N, C-alpha and C. Protein backbone atom coordinates (compact mmCIF):
# COMPACT_ATOMS: atom_id res chain seq x y z
N UNK A 1 29.81 4.58 -43.31
CA UNK A 1 30.83 4.03 -44.01
C UNK A 1 30.29 3.13 -44.58
N UNK A 2 30.89 2.39 -45.57
CA UNK A 2 29.67 1.06 -46.09
C UNK A 2 30.80 -0.14 -45.86
N UNK A 3 30.37 -0.82 -45.33
CA UNK A 3 31.53 -2.47 -45.00
C UNK A 3 32.35 -2.48 -46.07
N UNK A 4 32.32 -2.27 -47.08
CA UNK A 4 33.54 -2.57 -47.61
C UNK A 4 34.70 -1.19 -47.35
N UNK A 5 34.62 -0.19 -48.09
CA UNK A 5 35.37 0.88 -47.44
C UNK A 5 35.80 0.31 -45.65
N UNK A 6 35.27 0.26 -44.43
CA UNK A 6 35.50 -0.34 -43.08
C UNK A 6 36.31 -1.30 -43.21
N UNK A 7 36.34 -2.62 -43.73
CA UNK A 7 36.59 -3.50 -44.44
C UNK A 7 38.38 -3.20 -44.73
N UNK A 8 38.21 -2.23 -45.95
CA UNK A 8 39.68 -1.80 -46.26
C UNK A 8 41.19 -0.67 -45.20
N UNK A 9 39.72 0.24 -44.72
CA UNK A 9 40.34 1.05 -43.72
C UNK A 9 40.74 0.02 -42.06
N UNK A 10 40.38 -1.21 -41.80
CA UNK A 10 40.76 -1.45 -41.10
C UNK A 10 41.54 -2.57 -41.08
N UNK A 11 41.99 -3.32 -41.85
CA UNK A 11 42.78 -3.74 -42.79
C UNK A 11 44.28 -3.39 -42.69
N UNK A 12 44.25 -2.14 -43.11
CA UNK A 12 45.25 -1.04 -43.64
C UNK A 12 45.50 -0.86 -41.49
N UNK A 13 44.92 -0.16 -40.71
CA UNK A 13 44.92 0.12 -39.27
C UNK A 13 45.68 -1.19 -38.51
N UNK A 14 44.93 -2.79 -38.79
CA UNK A 14 45.84 -3.82 -38.25
C UNK A 14 47.09 -4.77 -38.74
N UNK A 15 47.63 -4.02 -40.06
CA UNK A 15 47.96 -4.13 -41.19
C UNK A 15 48.15 -6.06 -41.66
N UNK A 16 46.86 -5.64 -42.22
CA UNK A 16 46.46 -6.96 -42.93
C UNK A 16 46.66 -6.77 -44.44
N UNK A 17 47.81 -8.02 -45.49
CA UNK A 17 47.96 -7.39 -46.39
C UNK A 17 46.99 -7.31 -47.37
N UNK A 18 46.89 -8.21 -46.78
CA UNK A 18 45.03 -8.85 -48.19
C UNK A 18 44.17 -8.77 -47.83
N UNK A 19 43.50 -7.23 -48.25
CA UNK A 19 42.05 -6.82 -47.19
C UNK A 19 41.11 -7.41 -48.41
N UNK A 20 41.26 -7.58 -49.67
CA UNK A 20 40.49 -8.49 -50.62
C UNK A 20 39.53 -9.70 -49.99
N UNK A 21 40.58 -10.61 -48.90
CA UNK A 21 40.12 -10.98 -48.83
C UNK A 21 39.33 -11.50 -48.01
N UNK A 22 39.16 -11.04 -47.29
CA UNK A 22 38.15 -10.07 -45.89
C UNK A 22 36.72 -9.75 -46.22
N UNK A 23 35.73 -10.94 -45.46
CA UNK A 23 34.12 -10.61 -45.66
C UNK A 23 33.88 -10.07 -44.10
N UNK A 24 32.64 -9.74 -44.89
CA UNK A 24 32.03 -9.99 -42.92
C UNK A 24 32.14 -10.38 -42.72
N UNK A 25 31.94 -12.28 -43.00
CA UNK A 25 31.61 -13.35 -42.36
C UNK A 25 32.61 -13.51 -41.25
N UNK A 26 34.40 -12.73 -41.87
CA UNK A 26 35.58 -13.35 -41.50
C UNK A 26 35.78 -13.51 -40.21
N UNK A 27 36.33 -14.35 -39.48
CA UNK A 27 36.27 -14.17 -38.25
C UNK A 27 37.97 -13.99 -37.61
N UNK A 28 38.06 -12.31 -37.54
CA UNK A 28 39.23 -12.07 -37.32
C UNK A 28 40.22 -12.38 -36.24
N UNK A 29 40.40 -13.28 -35.63
CA UNK A 29 40.77 -13.81 -34.62
C UNK A 29 41.44 -14.93 -35.35
N UNK A 30 40.68 -15.70 -36.40
CA UNK A 30 41.41 -17.11 -36.77
C UNK A 30 43.38 -15.76 -38.01
N UNK A 31 43.02 -14.58 -38.35
CA UNK A 31 43.36 -14.12 -39.22
C UNK A 31 45.18 -14.46 -38.55
N UNK A 32 46.45 -14.81 -40.01
CA UNK A 32 47.42 -15.19 -39.40
C UNK A 32 48.13 -13.58 -38.63
N UNK A 33 47.98 -12.36 -38.91
CA UNK A 33 47.77 -11.08 -38.48
C UNK A 33 47.66 -11.03 -37.23
N UNK A 34 46.03 -11.59 -36.80
CA UNK A 34 45.87 -10.99 -35.71
C UNK A 34 47.05 -11.40 -34.36
N UNK A 35 47.04 -10.64 -33.09
CA UNK A 35 47.68 -10.37 -32.21
C UNK A 35 47.66 -9.38 -31.32
N UNK A 36 47.67 -9.33 -29.93
CA UNK A 36 47.75 -9.02 -28.90
C UNK A 36 47.79 -7.50 -29.23
N UNK A 37 48.53 -6.97 -30.20
CA UNK A 37 49.04 -5.57 -31.11
C UNK A 37 47.73 -5.35 -31.65
N UNK A 38 47.03 -6.03 -32.53
CA UNK A 38 45.97 -5.83 -33.51
C UNK A 38 44.58 -5.55 -32.70
N UNK A 39 44.61 -5.43 -31.31
CA UNK A 39 43.82 -4.85 -30.21
C UNK A 39 43.63 -3.68 -30.06
N UNK A 40 45.37 -2.76 -29.97
CA UNK A 40 45.11 -2.37 -29.99
C UNK A 40 45.23 -1.17 -30.88
N UNK A 41 46.02 -1.48 -32.14
CA UNK A 41 46.11 -0.98 -33.21
C UNK A 41 44.70 -0.67 -33.73
N UNK A 42 43.80 -1.70 -33.50
CA UNK A 42 41.73 -1.77 -33.66
C UNK A 42 41.62 -0.17 -32.77
N UNK A 43 41.83 -0.06 -31.74
CA UNK A 43 41.41 0.78 -30.71
C UNK A 43 41.69 1.88 -31.53
N UNK A 44 42.45 2.35 -31.40
CA UNK A 44 42.96 3.57 -32.02
C UNK A 44 42.61 3.38 -33.30
N UNK A 45 42.13 3.13 -34.35
CA UNK A 45 41.84 2.67 -34.52
C UNK A 45 39.86 3.40 -35.52
N UNK A 46 39.72 3.03 -34.48
CA UNK A 46 38.50 3.50 -33.40
C UNK A 46 38.06 4.77 -33.77
N UNK A 47 38.95 4.27 -32.72
CA UNK A 47 39.42 6.26 -32.05
C UNK A 47 39.82 8.13 -33.04
N UNK A 48 40.92 7.14 -33.74
CA UNK A 48 41.63 8.37 -34.75
C UNK A 48 40.20 8.79 -36.40
N UNK A 49 39.86 7.13 -36.63
CA UNK A 49 38.98 7.45 -37.81
C UNK A 49 37.39 7.37 -38.16
N UNK A 50 36.48 6.59 -36.39
CA UNK A 50 35.78 6.75 -36.72
C UNK A 50 34.98 7.69 -35.35
N UNK A 51 35.96 8.06 -34.71
CA UNK A 51 35.77 8.81 -34.03
C UNK A 51 34.59 8.04 -32.31
N UNK A 52 35.14 7.28 -32.21
CA UNK A 52 34.17 6.28 -31.34
C UNK A 52 34.88 5.39 -30.18
N UNK A 53 34.85 5.64 -28.86
CA UNK A 53 35.40 4.89 -28.03
C UNK A 53 35.15 3.59 -27.64
N UNK A 54 36.60 2.75 -27.68
CA UNK A 54 35.79 1.15 -27.46
C UNK A 54 37.08 0.22 -26.27
N UNK A 55 36.47 -0.14 -25.98
CA UNK A 55 37.59 -0.93 -25.29
C UNK A 55 37.84 -2.36 -25.48
N UNK A 56 38.53 -3.24 -24.65
CA UNK A 56 39.36 -4.32 -25.18
C UNK A 56 37.71 -5.18 -25.33
N UNK A 57 36.89 -5.02 -24.05
CA UNK A 57 36.24 -5.75 -23.94
C UNK A 57 35.20 -5.99 -24.96
N UNK A 58 35.02 -4.69 -26.02
CA UNK A 58 33.95 -4.21 -26.61
C UNK A 58 34.02 -5.54 -27.93
N UNK A 59 36.02 -5.32 -27.68
CA UNK A 59 36.83 -6.20 -28.99
C UNK A 59 36.21 -7.66 -28.80
N UNK A 60 36.01 -8.13 -27.55
CA UNK A 60 36.59 -9.27 -26.95
C UNK A 60 34.76 -10.33 -26.97
N UNK A 61 33.44 -9.40 -27.36
CA UNK A 61 32.28 -9.45 -27.97
C UNK A 61 32.42 -9.53 -29.30
N UNK A 62 32.81 -9.65 -30.01
CA UNK A 62 32.90 -9.47 -31.14
C UNK A 62 33.43 -10.84 -32.37
N UNK A 63 33.21 -11.46 -32.84
CA UNK A 63 34.08 -12.83 -33.46
C UNK A 63 34.42 -12.22 -34.87
N UNK A 64 33.53 -11.63 -35.43
CA UNK A 64 33.29 -11.70 -36.66
C UNK A 64 34.03 -10.25 -37.44
N UNK A 65 34.31 -9.49 -39.19
CA UNK A 65 34.45 -8.35 -39.07
C UNK A 65 33.25 -7.62 -39.04
N UNK A 66 32.34 -8.02 -39.68
CA UNK A 66 31.17 -7.66 -39.22
C UNK A 66 30.39 -6.75 -37.88
N UNK A 67 31.06 -8.03 -37.14
CA UNK A 67 30.53 -7.50 -36.19
C UNK A 67 31.16 -6.38 -35.45
N UNK A 68 32.76 -6.09 -35.88
CA UNK A 68 33.27 -4.63 -35.90
C UNK A 68 33.00 -3.96 -36.44
N UNK A 69 32.29 -4.21 -37.38
CA UNK A 69 31.71 -2.87 -38.31
C UNK A 69 30.29 -2.50 -37.80
N UNK A 70 29.39 -3.38 -37.16
CA UNK A 70 28.23 -3.27 -36.35
C UNK A 70 28.74 -2.20 -35.18
N UNK A 71 30.00 -2.63 -34.93
CA UNK A 71 29.89 -1.66 -33.35
C UNK A 71 30.68 -0.49 -33.64
N UNK A 72 30.89 0.12 -34.91
CA UNK A 72 31.18 1.04 -35.47
C UNK A 72 29.98 2.01 -35.93
N UNK A 73 29.40 1.05 -35.87
CA UNK A 73 28.32 2.33 -37.11
C UNK A 73 27.02 2.21 -35.63
N UNK A 74 27.52 1.75 -34.68
CA UNK A 74 26.39 2.44 -33.36
C UNK A 74 25.93 3.19 -33.29
C-alpha cells in the first residue's frame, strides 16, 4: 500500500474529514479530531484493513502519519 492510500484509509477510519490536508509529516496527535477514541479506531483499522496487530504502546511510539505508515508496512 502506498502512503497516499494509507492516509486516505486511515483518515476514514479515525473520522478525519479532510484527508487531503494530511501528509507523512503531519503530527496526528495535533489534529482536532484526535482523541482516545481515535486510538481504538486506529487499532481496529490496523487489524481489519491491514491484518496487523498493534496496541496503544505502538501508537505512542509514533509521532507522525509517516510513523504510522512505517508501522503498517514493517
